[in-house]
C-alpha cells in the first residue's frame, strides 16, 4: 500500500474499532453481523488490509453508521466542505482507474457522492447493496457499460441512468479512452432498524 492508502486504512481501522467497542461487540460479533471472517475484521482494525468497497459496506451497515461516516474525517460543522483531491479512494485498478467517495451524509438515510474513472478495459463488479438502495450515475467523459441484474446499457458522455442498487451490478469501460462518471448512492434506514424488506426473488 502507498502512504495515502495506508493512512486511509489505518483511519478506517481506528473508526471500526471505536464503533465496535462502543457497541461492546467482540470481533466475532462484528464479523457475524457483517457476514465476513473474523480475520478480515482484525486486519481492517489493524489497518493491515485494503478492504474492498463491498467489505467496507458490510462493516458500516453492521455497525449502523453508513460508509461515509466510516471513511471521512469527522467534522463538527453542519456544512461539510470536501476540497478537490480530499475524497477517499476506495477502489483503484492497475491501469489507473479509481472510485473516490467524494462526500456523504450521516445515517439513517445515507447519500454517497462518488467520482469514478475507468481506464480502458476496467471492469468493477459490485455486490448487491442493502434492500432499498438506489443508484444514479451520469457519464462525464467517454462511454461505459452498466450491467444491472443481467440487463446491460451503454452510456455515452452526458447520458444518465438510475437503477436499484440492491441487485448485483457492474460498470465497465469497453473503449480505448478513459471514462469518467459521477454517481450518487441512496441507502435508506442505515442503523435505524427500519430498512425496507429485501425484494423477493
Protein backbone atom coordinates (compact mmCIF):
# COMPACT_ATOMS: atom_id res chain seq x y z
CA UNK A 1 0.00 0.00 0.00
CA UNK A 2 1.20 3.53 -0.72
CA UNK A 3 1.26 6.09 2.11
CA UNK A 4 -2.13 7.62 1.24
CA UNK A 5 -3.82 4.21 1.08
CA UNK A 6 -2.09 3.14 4.31
CA UNK A 7 -3.20 6.30 6.13
CA UNK A 8 -6.81 5.75 4.99
CA UNK A 9 -6.69 2.07 6.00
CA UNK A 10 -5.40 3.00 9.47
CA UNK A 11 -8.07 5.70 9.92
CA UNK A 12 -10.79 3.25 8.88
CA UNK A 13 -9.37 0.62 11.25
CA UNK A 14 -9.46 3.03 14.17
CA UNK A 15 -13.08 4.03 13.44
CA UNK A 16 -14.18 0.41 13.09
CA UNK A 17 -12.56 -0.48 16.42
CA UNK A 18 -14.11 2.57 18.15
CA UNK A 19 -17.59 1.89 16.79
CA UNK A 20 -17.34 -1.84 17.59
CA UNK A 21 -16.18 -1.15 21.14
CA UNK A 22 -18.88 1.48 21.68
CA UNK A 23 -21.39 -1.29 20.93
CA UNK A 24 -19.48 -3.63 23.28
CA UNK A 25 -19.16 -6.15 20.45
CA UNK A 26 -16.42 -8.70 20.17
CA UNK A 27 -14.50 -9.14 16.93
CA UNK A 28 -16.56 -12.28 16.32
CA UNK A 29 -19.86 -10.47 16.83
CA UNK A 30 -18.95 -7.82 14.25
CA UNK A 31 -17.74 -10.49 11.85
CA UNK A 32 -21.03 -12.38 12.21
CA UNK A 33 -23.13 -9.23 11.82
CA UNK A 34 -21.19 -8.17 8.72
CA UNK A 35 -21.03 -11.65 7.17
CA UNK A 36 -17.24 -11.60 6.90
CA UNK A 37 -14.43 -13.53 8.57
CA UNK A 38 -13.06 -12.61 11.99
CA UNK A 39 -9.61 -12.45 10.39
CA UNK A 40 -10.85 -9.76 7.98
CA UNK A 41 -12.21 -7.68 10.88
CA UNK A 42 -8.84 -8.00 12.66
CA UNK A 43 -6.96 -6.97 9.50
CA UNK A 44 -9.26 -3.99 8.93
CA UNK A 45 -8.97 -2.79 12.54
CA UNK A 46 -5.18 -3.09 12.39
CA UNK A 47 -5.05 -1.12 9.14
CA UNK A 48 -3.27 -4.10 7.59
CA UNK A 49 -5.88 -4.70 4.88
CA UNK A 50 -7.05 -2.68 1.90
CA UNK A 51 -10.63 -3.98 2.04
CA UNK A 52 -12.98 -3.91 -0.92
CA UNK A 53 -15.84 -1.43 -1.08
CA UNK A 54 -18.19 -4.37 -0.54
CA UNK A 55 -16.43 -5.34 2.69
CA UNK A 56 -16.50 -1.76 3.95
CA UNK A 57 -20.21 -1.54 3.16
CA UNK A 58 -20.88 -4.76 5.11
CA UNK A 59 -18.95 -3.46 8.11
CA UNK A 60 -20.52 0.01 8.07
CA UNK A 61 -24.01 -1.47 7.66
CA UNK A 62 -23.43 -3.91 10.52
CA UNK A 63 -22.31 -1.02 12.74
CA UNK A 64 -25.28 1.06 11.58
CA UNK A 65 -23.17 4.05 10.57
CA UNK A 66 -23.05 4.12 6.76
CA UNK A 67 -19.96 4.14 4.57
CA UNK A 68 -19.30 7.94 4.60
CA UNK A 69 -19.02 8.01 8.40
CA UNK A 70 -16.54 5.15 8.24
CA UNK A 71 -14.17 6.72 5.71
CA UNK A 72 -14.50 10.51 6.02
CA UNK A 73 -12.70 12.72 8.51
CA UNK A 74 -15.16 13.80 11.23
CA UNK A 75 -16.41 17.41 11.04
CA UNK A 76 -18.37 19.43 13.54
CA UNK A 77 -19.95 21.98 11.19
CA UNK A 78 -23.29 21.24 9.54
CA UNK A 79 -21.79 22.46 6.25
CA UNK A 80 -19.13 19.98 5.17
CA UNK A 81 -16.65 21.13 2.55
CA UNK A 82 -14.55 18.50 0.80
CA UNK A 83 -11.85 20.13 -1.26
CA UNK A 84 -10.73 18.81 -4.63
CA UNK A 85 -8.49 15.80 -4.05
CA UNK A 86 -9.65 15.20 -0.47
CA UNK A 87 -12.09 12.36 -1.22
CA UNK A 88 -11.40 8.78 -0.14
CA UNK A 89 -10.15 6.49 -2.92
CA UNK A 90 -11.81 3.17 -2.07
CA UNK A 91 -11.10 1.33 -5.34
CA UNK A 92 -8.27 1.51 -7.83
CA UNK A 93 -7.10 -0.52 -10.80
CA UNK A 94 -3.58 -1.28 -12.00
CA UNK A 95 -4.29 0.80 -15.11
CA UNK A 96 -5.25 3.99 -13.28
CA UNK A 97 -8.97 3.61 -12.70
CA UNK A 98 -10.34 4.70 -9.34
CA UNK A 99 -13.51 5.09 -7.34
CA UNK A 100 -13.45 8.08 -4.99
CA UNK A 101 -16.07 8.66 -2.30
CA UNK A 102 -16.26 12.44 -2.51
CA UNK A 103 -18.94 13.19 0.08
CA UNK A 104 -21.74 11.59 2.04
CA UNK A 105 -24.43 12.13 4.63
CA UNK A 106 -24.89 10.51 8.02
CA UNK A 107 -27.50 7.86 8.92
CA UNK A 108 -30.26 6.98 8.85
CA UNK A 109 -30.78 7.93 5.18
CA UNK A 110 -27.27 7.84 3.72
CA UNK A 111 -26.45 9.50 0.41
CA UNK A 112 -22.99 8.98 -1.11
CA UNK A 113 -21.45 11.02 -3.93
CA UNK A 114 -18.76 9.24 -5.97
CA UNK A 115 -16.32 10.26 -8.69
CA UNK A 116 -15.30 7.27 -10.84
CA UNK A 117 -12.67 6.94 -13.52
CA UNK A 118 -12.45 3.71 -15.51
CA UNK A 119 -9.36 3.15 -17.62
CA UNK A 120 -9.78 1.24 -20.90
CA UNK A 121 -10.83 -2.37 -20.15
CA UNK A 122 -11.51 -1.61 -16.45
CA UNK A 123 -14.43 -3.57 -15.01
CA UNK A 124 -15.82 -3.07 -11.50
CA UNK A 125 -18.29 -5.61 -10.10
CA UNK A 126 -20.44 -4.66 -7.10
CA UNK A 127 -22.35 -6.98 -4.82
CA UNK A 128 -25.98 -6.16 -4.18
CA UNK A 129 -26.28 -3.48 -1.50
CA UNK A 130 -28.89 -3.48 1.28
CA UNK A 131 -32.59 -3.50 0.43
CA UNK A 132 -33.93 -0.20 -0.86
CA UNK A 133 -30.59 1.13 -2.13
CA UNK A 134 -30.80 3.25 -5.30
CA UNK A 135 -28.02 4.42 -7.60
CA UNK A 136 -27.89 7.28 -10.09
CA UNK A 137 -24.97 7.98 -12.37
CA UNK A 138 -24.06 10.31 -15.21
CA UNK A 139 -21.18 9.88 -17.61
CA UNK A 140 -18.95 12.94 -17.81
CA UNK A 141 -16.41 11.66 -20.34
CA UNK A 142 -16.07 8.60 -22.59
CA UNK A 143 -18.54 5.72 -22.50
CA UNK A 144 -19.33 2.96 -20.02
CA UNK A 145 -21.43 -0.18 -19.92
CA UNK A 146 -23.61 -0.65 -16.86
CA UNK A 147 -24.95 -4.13 -16.13
CA UNK A 148 -27.82 -4.40 -13.65
CA UNK A 149 -29.05 -7.90 -12.82
CA UNK A 150 -28.16 -9.09 -16.34
CA UNK A 151 -29.52 -6.06 -18.20
CA UNK A 152 -26.77 -4.07 -19.95
CA UNK A 153 -26.94 -0.45 -21.07
CA UNK A 154 -24.27 1.58 -22.86
CA UNK A 155 -23.95 5.21 -21.76
CA UNK A 156 -22.10 7.95 -23.60
CA UNK A 157 -20.97 11.32 -22.24
CA UNK A 158 -23.98 13.20 -20.89
CA UNK A 159 -26.15 10.07 -20.55
CA UNK A 160 -27.52 9.12 -17.14
CA UNK A 161 -29.15 6.07 -15.58
CA UNK A 162 -30.98 5.18 -12.36
CA UNK A 163 -31.29 1.65 -11.05
CA UNK A 164 -31.79 -0.42 -7.90
CA UNK A 165 -28.52 -0.95 -6.07
CA UNK A 166 -29.86 -3.90 -4.11
CA UNK A 167 -29.15 -6.28 -7.01
CA UNK A 168 -25.78 -7.29 -8.45
CA UNK A 169 -24.40 -4.66 -10.83
CA UNK A 170 -21.19 -3.65 -12.58
CA UNK A 171 -19.56 -0.85 -14.53
CA UNK A 172 -17.14 -1.38 -17.41
CA UNK A 173 -15.19 0.68 -19.91
CA UNK A 174 -15.02 -1.31 -23.16
CA UNK A 175 -13.49 1.62 -25.07
CA UNK A 176 -9.94 2.78 -25.77
CA UNK A 177 -10.16 6.05 -23.83
CA UNK A 178 -10.63 6.65 -20.09
CA UNK A 179 -14.22 7.16 -18.97
CA UNK A 180 -15.39 9.24 -16.03
CA UNK A 181 -18.74 9.31 -14.28
CA UNK A 182 -20.38 10.77 -11.20
CA UNK A 183 -22.55 8.52 -9.08
CA UNK A 184 -24.95 9.05 -6.19
CA UNK A 185 -25.98 6.16 -3.95
CA UNK A 186 -29.03 6.38 -1.65
CA UNK A 187 -29.15 3.85 1.18
CA UNK A 188 -32.22 4.30 3.41
CA UNK A 189 -32.61 3.32 7.04
CA UNK A 190 -28.98 2.67 7.97
CA UNK A 191 -28.81 1.77 11.65
CA UNK A 192 -32.47 2.59 12.25
CA UNK A 193 -33.88 -0.91 12.13
CA UNK A 194 -36.40 0.48 9.62
CA UNK A 195 -34.85 -0.83 6.41
CA UNK A 196 -37.20 -1.83 3.60
CA UNK A 197 -37.76 -5.53 3.07
CA UNK A 198 -35.49 -7.17 0.51
CA UNK A 199 -37.19 -7.71 -2.85
CA UNK A 200 -38.49 -11.23 -3.31
CA UNK A 201 -36.73 -13.39 -5.85
